[in-house]
């Protein structure tokens, strides 16, 4: 396990503590496959939130934008 994976797992345990363990592991695995994509998604959501858009709406719109990339990750 690399240092990055270790910190990612620790962060996921803290941030996603209310999520069931299996789903948390699935999310961590997806982020590990392409961390740059998730960084880009997170930054875009933050930009939209700072622009006055609600968090849920911003998240949904950004996820729609990156739908094909996310589907490709799930299928890997």
Protein backbone atom coordinates (compact mmCIF):
# COMPACT_ATOMS: atom_id res chain seq x y z
CA UNK A 1 0.00 0.00 0.00
CA UNK A 2 1.45 3.33 -1.00
CA UNK A 3 1.48 6.33 1.27
CA UNK A 4 -1.10 8.06 -0.93
CA UNK A 5 -3.44 5.06 -0.65
CA UNK A 6 -3.03 4.99 3.11
CA UNK A 7 -3.95 8.66 3.48
CA UNK A 8 -6.82 8.29 1.04
CA UNK A 9 -8.22 5.40 3.08
CA UNK A 10 -7.87 7.33 6.34
CA UNK A 11 -9.57 10.38 4.83
CA UNK A 12 -12.39 8.23 3.45
CA UNK A 13 -12.96 6.63 6.86
CA UNK A 14 -13.23 10.07 8.41
CA UNK A 15 -15.21 11.85 5.69
CA UNK A 16 -17.53 8.96 4.80
CA UNK A 17 -17.96 7.60 8.33
CA UNK A 18 -21.76 7.32 7.95
CA UNK A 19 -21.46 5.29 4.74
CA UNK A 20 -21.44 1.48 4.93
CA UNK A 21 -17.97 -0.07 4.80
CA UNK A 22 -18.50 -1.78 1.41
CA UNK A 23 -19.59 1.45 -0.27
CA UNK A 24 -16.74 3.37 1.34
CA UNK A 25 -14.24 0.83 -0.02
CA UNK A 26 -15.83 1.05 -3.47
CA UNK A 27 -15.54 4.85 -3.47
CA UNK A 28 -11.93 4.68 -2.28
CA UNK A 29 -11.09 2.21 -5.06
CA UNK A 30 -12.62 4.52 -7.68
CA UNK A 31 -10.71 7.53 -6.41
CA UNK A 32 -7.49 5.48 -6.36
CA UNK A 33 -7.94 4.59 -10.03
CA UNK A 34 -7.99 8.24 -11.18
CA UNK A 35 -7.31 10.75 -8.40
CA UNK A 36 -6.83 13.62 -10.87
CA UNK A 37 -10.38 13.22 -12.18
CA UNK A 38 -11.81 13.43 -8.67
CA UNK A 39 -9.61 16.42 -7.89
CA UNK A 40 -10.93 18.16 -11.01
CA UNK A 41 -14.53 17.29 -10.07
CA UNK A 42 -14.06 18.59 -6.52
CA UNK A 43 -12.50 21.85 -7.69
CA UNK A 44 -15.31 22.46 -10.16
CA UNK A 45 -17.96 21.81 -7.51
CA UNK A 46 -16.22 24.26 -5.16
CA UNK A 47 -16.07 26.92 -7.90
CA UNK A 48 -19.79 26.56 -8.55
CA UNK A 49 -20.59 26.72 -4.82
CA UNK A 50 -18.55 29.91 -4.47
CA UNK A 51 -20.52 31.29 -7.43
CA UNK A 52 -23.71 30.93 -5.39
CA UNK A 53 -24.97 27.58 -6.62
CA UNK A 54 -26.24 25.08 -4.04
CA UNK A 55 -24.00 22.14 -3.19
CA UNK A 56 -26.44 19.48 -4.38
CA UNK A 57 -27.16 21.22 -7.68
CA UNK A 58 -23.47 21.90 -8.30
CA UNK A 59 -22.59 18.27 -7.54
CA UNK A 60 -25.29 16.89 -9.82
CA UNK A 61 -24.35 19.15 -12.73
CA UNK A 62 -20.64 18.38 -12.45
CA UNK A 63 -21.30 14.64 -12.17
CA UNK A 64 -23.44 14.81 -15.31
CA UNK A 65 -20.58 16.58 -17.09
CA UNK A 66 -18.11 13.83 -16.16
CA UNK A 67 -20.56 10.93 -16.51
CA UNK A 68 -18.65 9.12 -19.28
CA UNK A 69 -15.33 9.28 -17.43
CA UNK A 70 -16.96 8.01 -14.23
CA UNK A 71 -18.67 5.14 -16.07
CA UNK A 72 -15.33 4.16 -17.62
CA UNK A 73 -13.77 4.03 -14.14
CA UNK A 74 -16.53 1.78 -12.79
CA UNK A 75 -16.10 -0.64 -15.71
CA UNK A 76 -12.30 -0.96 -15.26
